[in-house]
Amino acid sequence: MHIRQLIADHGAYFYLIVFVWTFLEGETIVLFAGFAAAQGLLRLEPLVLAACLGSFAGDQTYFWLGRHFGQAVLRRFPRFRNGVNTALGWIERYSAGFILTFRFIYGVRNFSSFALGLSAINWRRFLWLNLFAAALWAVSFVALGYFLGHAMRKALPEVARSVRLSMLAALVVVGLATWLLHWLQRRRQLRPPPGAEYLPDGD
């Protein structure tokens, strides 16, 4: 089936997919969806809303798990302890700034919201900062995908005439953009402040 007809017939489900994917974690789907919006296949407003709500709901869930079951989870899965300690170190140093930016740092999102649940931050303060950060993240990545889509249509107009080919190109562009983003983040690997130990290793 032609990709344009597929999204036209089942577009509402695509927004639901974006919501579920961003609930778990995923800038890749948001970049791809932004590219599809540039092709006229999706609407920007519900796309941004789905990405924002999915990201917000996911991090609220991880925060709640950390707040109510954090120590039990770490005893059950001790391999998570280093990631949580890293996030706690940055929370201690940057507080609200970290809440507003941790989504943009590859590999620490779920650890961060879980660690925030273990911290002393008030849940109301986290809720409002998290909502603002989710909106900022959704707008940023949808816009990036959207502008990539428009740039490709201008650079390769003959490709843009075929939706199948342009969406295939979108997968390549989004894949490369995501890989580059992850590679840059790995080069700036986060470490907790020297000598800081926030959670004991023992039971």
Protein backbone atom coordinates (compact mmCIF):
# COMPACT_ATOMS: atom_id res chain seq x y z
CA MET A 1 0.00 0.00 0.00
CA HIS A 2 1.20 3.50 -0.81
CA ILE A 3 2.59 5.19 2.32
CA ARG A 4 0.47 8.31 1.72
CA GLN A 5 -2.73 6.27 1.60
CA LEU A 6 -1.66 4.23 4.61
CA ILE A 7 -1.20 7.32 6.79
CA ALA A 8 -4.35 8.93 5.36
CA ASP A 9 -6.39 5.88 6.35
CA HIS A 10 -4.76 5.25 9.71
CA GLY A 11 -3.25 8.60 10.68
CA ALA A 12 -4.90 8.65 14.11
CA TYR A 13 -3.13 5.42 14.99
CA PHE A 14 0.19 6.98 14.02
CA TYR A 15 -0.29 9.70 16.63
CA LEU A 16 -1.04 6.94 19.16
CA ILE A 17 2.18 5.16 18.14
CA VAL A 18 4.09 8.41 18.72
CA PHE A 19 2.51 8.72 22.17
CA VAL A 20 3.42 5.14 23.18
CA TRP A 21 6.92 5.33 21.70
CA THR A 22 7.75 8.59 23.45
CA PHE A 23 6.27 7.22 26.68
CA LEU A 24 8.99 4.57 26.60
CA GLU A 25 11.73 6.68 25.01
CA GLY A 26 12.42 7.73 21.48
CA GLU A 27 13.45 10.80 19.57
CA THR A 28 13.74 8.63 16.42
CA ILE A 29 9.99 8.31 15.89
CA VAL A 30 9.52 12.04 16.54
CA LEU A 31 12.14 12.96 13.94
CA PHE A 32 10.55 10.59 11.43
CA ALA A 33 7.06 11.93 12.15
CA GLY A 34 8.30 15.51 11.71
CA PHE A 35 9.72 14.49 8.34
CA ALA A 36 6.33 12.98 7.41
CA ALA A 37 4.62 16.24 8.44
CA ALA A 38 6.89 18.11 6.03
CA GLN A 39 5.54 15.83 3.28
CA GLY A 40 1.99 16.80 4.24
CA LEU A 41 1.22 13.34 5.66
CA LEU A 42 0.70 14.38 9.29
CA ARG A 43 -0.49 17.50 11.08
CA LEU A 44 2.03 19.31 13.27
CA GLU A 45 -0.28 20.26 16.17
CA PRO A 46 -1.51 16.76 17.15
CA LEU A 47 1.97 15.39 16.45
CA VAL A 48 3.61 17.79 18.91
CA LEU A 49 0.82 17.13 21.43
CA ALA A 50 1.22 13.35 21.17
CA ALA A 51 5.00 13.56 21.60
CA CYS A 52 4.71 15.99 24.51
CA LEU A 53 2.08 13.97 26.39
CA GLY A 54 3.87 10.67 25.79
CA SER A 55 7.18 12.00 27.06
CA PHE A 56 5.53 13.74 30.02
CA ALA A 57 3.51 10.66 31.04
CA GLY A 58 6.53 8.38 30.74
CA ASP A 59 8.69 10.50 33.00
CA GLN A 60 5.93 11.00 35.52
CA THR A 61 5.60 7.21 35.69
CA TYR A 62 9.34 6.68 36.20
CA PHE A 63 9.33 9.43 38.84
CA TRP A 64 6.44 7.72 40.67
CA LEU A 65 8.26 4.38 40.56
CA GLY A 66 11.39 5.98 41.98
CA ARG A 67 9.47 7.78 44.71
CA HIS A 68 7.53 4.72 45.92
CA PHE A 69 9.65 1.70 44.94
CA GLY A 70 13.11 3.14 44.23
CA GLN A 71 15.21 1.28 46.79
CA ALA A 72 13.37 -2.00 46.19
CA VAL A 73 13.97 -1.71 42.44
CA LEU A 74 17.68 -1.02 42.96
CA ARG A 75 18.01 -4.03 45.23
CA ARG A 76 16.32 -6.15 42.59
CA PHE A 77 18.31 -4.66 39.70
CA PRO A 78 21.67 -3.46 41.09
CA ARG A 79 23.01 -2.85 37.58
CA PHE A 80 20.85 0.31 37.49
CA ARG A 81 22.67 1.80 40.48
CA ASN A 82 25.50 3.46 38.52
CA GLY A 83 23.08 5.18 36.15
CA VAL A 84 20.94 6.39 39.04
CA ASN A 85 23.98 7.67 40.94
CA THR A 86 25.10 9.55 37.83
CA ALA A 87 21.71 11.21 37.52
CA LEU A 88 21.62 12.05 41.24
CA GLY A 89 24.98 13.74 40.94
CA TRP A 90 23.73 16.00 38.18
CA ILE A 91 20.46 16.65 40.02
CA GLU A 92 22.48 17.79 43.05
CA ARG A 93 24.54 20.16 40.93
CA TYR A 94 21.98 21.58 38.50
CA SER A 95 18.50 20.91 39.97
CA ALA A 96 15.87 22.59 37.75
CA GLY A 97 18.32 22.98 34.86
CA PHE A 98 18.85 19.25 34.79
CA ILE A 99 15.09 18.54 34.76
CA LEU A 100 14.70 20.84 31.77
CA THR A 101 17.52 19.25 29.76
CA PHE A 102 17.93 15.56 30.64
CA ARG A 103 15.66 14.49 27.74
CA PHE A 104 18.24 15.86 25.34
CA ILE A 105 21.03 13.69 26.81
CA TYR A 106 21.14 10.23 25.28
CA GLY A 107 20.99 7.29 27.66
CA VAL A 108 20.01 9.04 30.89
CA ARG A 109 16.31 9.92 30.46
CA ASN A 110 14.73 6.97 32.29
CA PHE A 111 17.47 6.88 34.93
CA SER A 112 16.98 10.60 35.50
CA SER A 113 13.23 10.64 36.13
CA PHE A 114 13.58 7.54 38.32
CA ALA A 115 16.44 9.18 40.26
CA LEU A 116 14.40 12.35 40.68
CA GLY A 117 11.80 10.23 42.43
CA LEU A 118 14.51 9.13 44.87
CA SER A 119 15.62 12.71 45.45
CA ALA A 120 14.09 15.27 47.80
CA ILE A 121 12.47 17.32 45.04
CA ASN A 122 8.81 18.17 45.61
CA TRP A 123 6.54 16.22 43.27
CA ARG A 124 4.57 19.31 42.26
CA ARG A 125 7.73 21.15 41.27
CA PHE A 126 8.85 18.17 39.21
CA LEU A 127 5.42 17.90 37.55
CA TRP A 128 5.41 21.48 36.24
CA LEU A 129 9.07 21.48 35.22
CA ASN A 130 8.58 18.10 33.56
CA LEU A 131 5.56 19.35 31.60
CA PHE A 132 7.48 22.37 30.32
CA ALA A 133 10.51 20.24 29.44
CA ALA A 134 8.36 17.68 27.60
CA ALA A 135 6.79 20.45 25.51
CA LEU A 136 10.22 21.93 24.71
CA TRP A 137 11.58 18.51 23.73
CA ALA A 138 8.58 17.66 21.53
CA VAL A 139 8.67 20.99 19.69
CA SER A 140 12.45 20.75 19.18
CA PHE A 141 12.51 17.26 17.66
CA VAL A 142 9.35 17.65 15.59
CA ALA A 143 10.78 20.91 14.22
CA LEU A 144 14.11 19.23 13.45
CA GLY A 145 12.41 16.43 11.51
CA TYR A 146 10.13 18.94 9.77
CA PHE A 147 12.99 21.15 8.60
CA LEU A 148 15.00 18.11 7.49
CA GLY A 149 12.00 17.10 5.39
CA HIS A 150 11.71 20.53 3.79
CA ALA A 151 15.45 20.69 3.16
CA MET A 152 15.35 17.34 1.37
CA ARG A 153 12.39 18.43 -0.77
CA LYS A 154 14.34 21.49 -1.91
CA ALA A 155 17.61 19.64 -2.44
CA LEU A 156 16.06 16.60 -4.13
CA PRO A 157 12.77 17.69 -5.76
CA GLU A 158 12.67 14.62 -7.99
CA VAL A 159 12.79 12.40 -4.89
CA ALA A 160 10.11 14.43 -3.14
CA ARG A 161 7.69 13.72 -6.00
CA SER A 162 7.58 10.10 -4.92
CA VAL A 163 6.29 9.67 -1.39
CA ARG A 164 7.64 6.14 -1.21
CA LEU A 165 11.15 7.28 -2.10
CA SER A 166 11.01 10.35 0.12
CA MET A 167 9.91 8.30 3.14
CA LEU A 168 12.71 5.82 2.46
CA ALA A 169 15.08 8.78 2.36
CA ALA A 170 13.52 9.96 5.62
CA LEU A 171 14.45 6.70 7.31
CA VAL A 172 18.05 7.14 6.19
CA VAL A 173 18.23 10.80 7.25
CA VAL A 174 16.57 10.19 10.60
CA GLY A 175 18.76 7.16 11.24
CA LEU A 176 21.92 9.14 10.51
CA ALA A 177 20.74 12.11 12.58
CA THR A 178 19.92 9.86 15.54
CA TRP A 179 23.23 8.02 15.28
CA LEU A 180 25.12 11.33 15.18
CA LEU A 181 23.18 12.61 18.19
CA HIS A 182 23.93 9.47 20.18
CA TRP A 183 27.60 9.51 19.15
CA LEU A 184 27.99 13.12 20.30
CA GLN A 185 26.32 12.31 23.62
CA ARG A 186 28.56 9.30 24.19
CA ARG A 187 31.60 11.55 23.73
CA ARG A 188 30.29 13.70 26.54
CA GLN A 189 29.51 10.80 28.84
CA LEU A 190 28.09 11.99 32.14
CA ARG A 191 29.88 11.26 35.40
CA PRO A 192 28.79 12.13 38.94
CA PRO A 193 30.84 14.72 40.85
CA PRO A 194 34.20 13.33 42.07
CA GLY A 195 33.86 11.39 45.30
CA ALA A 196 30.05 11.61 45.33
CA GLU A 197 28.20 8.48 46.41
CA TYR A 198 24.48 9.00 46.56
CA LEU A 199 23.16 5.49 47.02
CA PRO A 200 24.84 2.78 49.09
CA ASP A 201 25.80 -0.42 47.27
CA GLY A 202 24.66 -2.71 50.00
CA ASP A 203 21.20 -3.67 51.12
